Amino acid sequence: MLALAGLIIGALFGGLRARRRGGDRRDIWQYAIVHAMLFALVGLFLSILLTRALG
């Protein structure tokens, strides 16, 4: 569940970050995709750590 939340939040954060920096449409997509992957990966690791710590 944290991975999915990280995916969505990362895409929004990356898109907004590229837009603030004055990027065009392709830059916004690239930032959104890369941030989504990174945030999802962090969420996945957090999910694994929480499962192992609580389970």
PDB file of N, CA and C in Angstrom:
ATOM      1  N   MET A   1       0.813  -1.190   0.000  1.00  0.00           N
ATOM      2  CA  MET A   1       0.000   0.000   0.000  1.00  0.00           C
ATOM      3  C   MET A   1       0.860   1.259   0.000  1.00  0.00           C
ATOM      4  N   LEU A   2       1.955   1.226   0.719  1.00  0.00           N
ATOM      5  CA  LEU A   2       2.845   2.384   0.741  1.00  0.00           C
ATOM      6  C   LEU A   2       3.511   2.604  -0.614  1.00  0.00           C
ATOM      7  N   ALA A   3       3.743   1.517  -1.345  1.00  0.00           N
ATOM      8  CA  ALA A   3       4.360   1.657  -2.664  1.00  0.00           C
ATOM      9  C   ALA A   3       3.421   2.379  -3.621  1.00  0.00           C
ATOM     10  N   LEU A   4       2.147   2.063  -3.566  1.00  0.00           N
ATOM     11  CA  LEU A   4       1.167   2.730  -4.428  1.00  0.00           C
ATOM     12  C   LEU A   4       1.033   4.206  -4.057  1.00  0.00           C
ATOM     13  N   ALA A   5       1.010   4.492  -2.773  1.00  0.00           N
ATOM     14  CA  ALA A   5       0.944   5.884  -2.333  1.00  0.00           C
ATOM     15  C   ALA A   5       2.194   6.644  -2.768  1.00  0.00           C
ATOM     16  N   GLY A   6       3.356   6.003  -2.648  1.00  0.00           N
ATOM     17  CA  GLY A   6       4.591   6.626  -3.087  1.00  0.00           C
ATOM     18  C   GLY A   6       4.599   6.883  -4.585  1.00  0.00           C
ATOM     19  N   LEU A   7       4.014   5.966  -5.341  1.00  0.00           N
ATOM     20  CA  LEU A   7       3.939   6.130  -6.791  1.00  0.00           C
ATOM     21  C   LEU A   7       3.145   7.371  -7.160  1.00  0.00           C
ATOM     22  N   ILE A   8       2.000   7.539  -6.547  1.00  0.00           N
ATOM     23  CA  ILE A   8       1.130   8.678  -6.852  1.00  0.00           C
ATOM     24  C   ILE A   8       1.747   9.990  -6.368  1.00  0.00           C
ATOM     25  N   ILE A   9       2.225   9.986  -5.134  1.00  0.00           N
ATOM     26  CA  ILE A   9       2.822  11.202  -4.581  1.00  0.00           C
ATOM     27  C   ILE A   9       4.086  11.587  -5.355  1.00  0.00           C
ATOM     28  N   GLY A  10       4.882  10.603  -5.721  1.00  0.00           N
ATOM     29  CA  GLY A  10       6.091  10.874  -6.480  1.00  0.00           C
ATOM     30  C   GLY A  10       5.801  11.463  -7.853  1.00  0.00           C
ATOM     31  N   ALA A  11       4.769  10.948  -8.518  1.00  0.00           N
ATOM     32  CA  ALA A  11       4.410  11.477  -9.837  1.00  0.00           C
ATOM     33  C   ALA A  11       3.948  12.925  -9.724  1.00  0.00           C
ATOM     34  N   LEU A  12       3.146  13.211  -8.729  1.00  0.00           N
ATOM     35  CA  LEU A  12       2.688  14.590  -8.536  1.00  0.00           C
ATOM     36  C   LEU A  12       3.849  15.518  -8.182  1.00  0.00           C
ATOM     37  N   PHE A  13       4.694  15.065  -7.275  1.00  0.00           N
ATOM     38  CA  PHE A  13       5.840  15.875  -6.848  1.00  0.00           C
ATOM     39  C   PHE A  13       6.790  16.133  -8.022  1.00  0.00           C
ATOM     40  N   GLY A  14       7.084  15.098  -8.793  1.00  0.00           N
ATOM     41  CA  GLY A  14       7.992  15.258  -9.925  1.00  0.00           C
ATOM     42  C   GLY A  14       7.428  16.164 -11.000  1.00  0.00           C
ATOM     43  N   GLY A  15       6.136  16.019 -11.292  1.00  0.00           N
ATOM     44  CA  GLY A  15       5.517  16.883 -12.288  1.00  0.00           C
ATOM     45  C   GLY A  15       5.518  18.342 -11.878  1.00  0.00           C
ATOM     46  N   LEU A  16       5.206  18.586 -10.623  1.00  0.00           N
ATOM     47  CA  LEU A  16       5.208  19.963 -10.127  1.00  0.00           C
ATOM     48  C   LEU A  16       6.615  20.546 -10.097  1.00  0.00           C
ATOM     49  N   ARG A  17       7.575  19.719  -9.755  1.00  0.00           N
ATOM     50  CA  ARG A  17       8.966  20.181  -9.701  1.00  0.00           C
ATOM     51  C   ARG A  17       9.465  20.584 -11.090  1.00  0.00           C
ATOM     52  N   ALA A  18       9.138  19.772 -12.094  1.00  0.00           N
ATOM     53  CA  ALA A  18       9.561  20.096 -13.458  1.00  0.00           C
ATOM     54  C   ALA A  18       8.844  21.336 -13.977  1.00  0.00           C
ATOM     55  N   ARG A  19       7.582  21.475 -13.623  1.00  0.00           N
ATOM     56  CA  ARG A  19       6.826  22.648 -14.072  1.00  0.00           C
ATOM     57  C   ARG A  19       7.400  23.924 -13.461  1.00  0.00           C
ATOM     58  N   ARG A  20       7.773  23.869 -12.165  1.00  0.00           N
ATOM     59  CA  ARG A  20       8.366  25.029 -11.504  1.00  0.00           C
ATOM     60  C   ARG A  20       9.702  25.419 -12.127  1.00  0.00           C
ATOM     61  N   ARG A  21      10.421  24.428 -12.628  1.00  0.00           N
ATOM     62  CA  ARG A  21      11.718  24.704 -13.251  1.00  0.00           C
ATOM     63  C   ARG A  21      11.580  25.147 -14.707  1.00  0.00           C
ATOM     64  N   GLY A  22      10.360  25.223 -15.203  1.00  0.00           N
ATOM     65  CA  GLY A  22      10.136  25.722 -16.549  1.00  0.00           C
ATOM     66  C   GLY A  22      10.290  24.674 -17.638  1.00  0.00           C
ATOM     67  N   GLY A  23      10.092  23.412 -17.292  1.00  0.00           N
ATOM     68  CA  GLY A  23      10.244  22.345 -18.272  1.00  0.00           C
ATOM     69  C   GLY A  23       9.066  22.255 -19.217  1.00  0.00           C
ATOM     70  N   ASP A  24       9.319  21.690 -20.392  1.00  0.00           N
ATOM     71  CA  ASP A  24       8.217  21.481 -21.333  1.00  0.00           C
ATOM     72  C   ASP A  24       7.499  20.174 -20.984  1.00  0.00           C
ATOM     73  N   ARG A  25       6.593  19.770 -21.851  1.00  0.00           N
ATOM     74  CA  ARG A  25       5.745  18.609 -21.561  1.00  0.00           C
ATOM     75  C   ARG A  25       6.560  17.336 -21.364  1.00  0.00           C
ATOM     76  N   ARG A  26       7.591  17.144 -22.185  1.00  0.00           N
ATOM     77  CA  ARG A  26       8.422  15.937 -22.059  1.00  0.00           C
ATOM     78  C   ARG A  26       9.229  15.945 -20.764  1.00  0.00           C
ATOM     79  N   ASP A  27       9.714  17.102 -20.346  1.00  0.00           N
ATOM     80  CA  ASP A  27      10.443  17.200 -19.081  1.00  0.00           C
ATOM     81  C   ASP A  27       9.531  16.864 -17.901  1.00  0.00           C
ATOM     82  N   ILE A  28       8.306  17.364 -17.952  1.00  0.00           N
ATOM     83  CA  ILE A  28       7.353  17.100 -16.873  1.00  0.00           C
ATOM     84  C   ILE A  28       7.068  15.608 -16.772  1.00  0.00           C
ATOM     85  N   TRP A  29       6.869  14.943 -17.906  1.00  0.00           N
ATOM     86  CA  TRP A  29       6.624  13.499 -17.902  1.00  0.00           C
ATOM     87  C   TRP A  29       7.835  12.742 -17.364  1.00  0.00           C
ATOM     88  N   GLN A  30       9.013  13.126 -17.790  1.00  0.00           N
ATOM     89  CA  GLN A  30      10.217  12.428 -17.345  1.00  0.00           C
ATOM     90  C   GLN A  30      10.404  12.582 -15.836  1.00  0.00           C
ATOM     91  N   TYR A  31      10.283  13.782 -15.330  1.00  0.00           N
ATOM     92  CA  TYR A  31      10.405  14.005 -13.884  1.00  0.00           C
ATOM     93  C   TYR A  31       9.333  13.220 -13.125  1.00  0.00           C
ATOM     94  N   ALA A  32       8.112  13.240 -13.634  1.00  0.00           N
ATOM     95  CA  ALA A  32       7.020  12.544 -12.953  1.00  0.00           C
ATOM     96  C   ALA A  32       7.287  11.043 -12.897  1.00  0.00           C
ATOM     97  N   ILE A  33       7.750  10.462 -13.995  1.00  0.00           N
ATOM     98  CA  ILE A  33       7.990   9.016 -14.027  1.00  0.00           C
ATOM     99  C   ILE A  33       9.151   8.628 -13.122  1.00  0.00           C
ATOM    100  N   VAL A  34      10.242   9.384 -13.180  1.00  0.00           N
ATOM    101  CA  VAL A  34      11.410   9.048 -12.362  1.00  0.00           C
ATOM    102  C   VAL A  34      11.093   9.203 -10.871  1.00  0.00           C
ATOM    103  N   HIS A  35      10.426  10.290 -10.512  1.00  0.00           N
ATOM    104  CA  HIS A  35      10.066  10.483  -9.099  1.00  0.00           C
ATOM    105  C   HIS A  35       9.071   9.419  -8.644  1.00  0.00           C
ATOM    106  N   ALA A  36       8.143   9.041  -9.501  1.00  0.00           N
ATOM    107  CA  ALA A  36       7.185   8.002  -9.139  1.00  0.00           C
ATOM    108  C   ALA A  36       7.898   6.681  -8.864  1.00  0.00           C
ATOM    109  N   MET A  37       8.861   6.324  -9.700  1.00  0.00           N
ATOM    110  CA  MET A  37       9.599   5.074  -9.479  1.00  0.00           C
ATOM    111  C   MET A  37      10.397   5.120  -8.181  1.00  0.00           C
ATOM    112  N   LEU A  38      11.052   6.249  -7.933  1.00  0.00           N
ATOM    113  CA  LEU A  38      11.855   6.355  -6.717  1.00  0.00           C
ATOM    114  C   LEU A  38      10.996   6.319  -5.458  1.00  0.00           C
ATOM    115  N   PHE A  39       9.903   7.068  -5.465  1.00  0.00           N
ATOM    116  CA  PHE A  39       9.029   7.090  -4.290  1.00  0.00           C
ATOM    117  C   PHE A  39       8.365   5.731  -4.079  1.00  0.00           C
ATOM    118  N   ALA A  40       8.006   5.052  -5.157  1.00  0.00           N
ATOM    119  CA  ALA A  40       7.413   3.721  -5.030  1.00  0.00           C
ATOM    120  C   ALA A  40       8.421   2.732  -4.451  1.00  0.00           C
ATOM    121  N   LEU A  41       9.670   2.844  -4.856  1.00  0.00           N
ATOM    122  CA  LEU A  41      10.708   1.964  -4.331  1.00  0.00           C
ATOM    123  C   LEU A  41      10.923   2.203  -2.841  1.00  0.00           C
ATOM    124  N   VAL A  42      10.948   3.463  -2.435  1.00  0.00           N
ATOM    125  CA  VAL A  42      11.075   3.785  -1.012  1.00  0.00           C
ATOM    126  C   VAL A  42       9.863   3.245  -0.245  1.00  0.00           C
ATOM    127  N   GLY A  43       8.667   3.414  -0.808  1.00  0.00           N
ATOM    128  CA  GLY A  43       7.462   2.881  -0.168  1.00  0.00           C
ATOM    129  C   GLY A  43       7.488   1.366  -0.052  1.00  0.00           C
ATOM    130  N   LEU A  44       8.037   0.699  -1.066  1.00  0.00           N
ATOM    131  CA  LEU A  44       8.152  -0.755  -1.020  1.00  0.00           C
ATOM    132  C   LEU A  44       9.081  -1.199   0.098  1.00  0.00           C
ATOM    133  N   PHE A  45      10.237  -0.541   0.207  1.00  0.00           N
ATOM    134  CA  PHE A  45      11.163  -0.880   1.283  1.00  0.00           C
ATOM    135  C   PHE A  45      10.559  -0.599   2.657  1.00  0.00           C
ATOM    136  N   LEU A  46       9.837   0.509   2.783  1.00  0.00           N
ATOM    137  CA  LEU A  46       9.179   0.791   4.059  1.00  0.00           C
ATOM    138  C   LEU A  46       8.126  -0.256   4.391  1.00  0.00           C
ATOM    139  N   SER A  47       7.385  -0.702   3.389  1.00  0.00           N
ATOM    140  CA  SER A  47       6.390  -1.751   3.611  1.00  0.00           C
ATOM    141  C   SER A  47       7.044  -3.043   4.084  1.00  0.00           C
ATOM    142  N   ILE A  48       8.153  -3.392   3.467  1.00  0.00           N
ATOM    143  CA  ILE A  48       8.870  -4.613   3.863  1.00  0.00           C
ATOM    144  C   ILE A  48       9.393  -4.488   5.293  1.00  0.00           C
ATOM    145  N   LEU A  49       9.989  -3.333   5.607  1.00  0.00           N
ATOM    146  CA  LEU A  49      10.510  -3.139   6.953  1.00  0.00           C
ATOM    147  C   LEU A  49       9.408  -3.161   8.009  1.00  0.00           C
ATOM    148  N   LEU A  50       8.291  -2.513   7.719  1.00  0.00           N
ATOM    149  CA  LEU A  50       7.184  -2.516   8.680  1.00  0.00           C
ATOM    150  C   LEU A  50       6.582  -3.916   8.855  1.00  0.00           C
ATOM    151  N   THR A  51       6.476  -4.650   7.774  1.00  0.00           N
ATOM    152  CA  THR A  51       5.937  -6.013   7.854  1.00  0.00           C
ATOM    153  C   THR A  51       6.829  -6.900   8.690  1.00  0.00           C
ATOM    154  N   ARG A  52       8.126  -6.771   8.494  1.00  0.00           N
ATOM    155  CA  ARG A  52       9.059  -7.594   9.269  1.00  0.00           C
ATOM    156  C   ARG A  52       9.136  -7.157  10.726  1.00  0.00           C
ATOM    157  N   ALA A  53       8.984  -5.877  10.987  1.00  0.00           N
ATOM    158  CA  ALA A  53       9.078  -5.396  12.352  1.00  0.00           C
ATOM    159  C   ALA A  53       7.809  -5.722  13.152  1.00  0.00           C
ATOM    160  N   LEU A  54       6.658  -5.678  12.491  1.00  0.00           N
ATOM    161  CA  LEU A  54       5.394  -5.895  13.193  1.00  0.00           C
ATOM    162  C   LEU A  54       4.907  -7.331  13.097  1.00  0.00           C
ATOM    163  N   GLY A  55       5.456  -8.089  12.171  1.00  0.00           N
ATOM    164  CA  GLY A  55       4.924  -9.430  11.926  1.00  0.00           C
ATOM    165  C   GLY A  55       5.657 -10.525  12.524  1.00  0.00           C
TER     166      GLY A  55
END
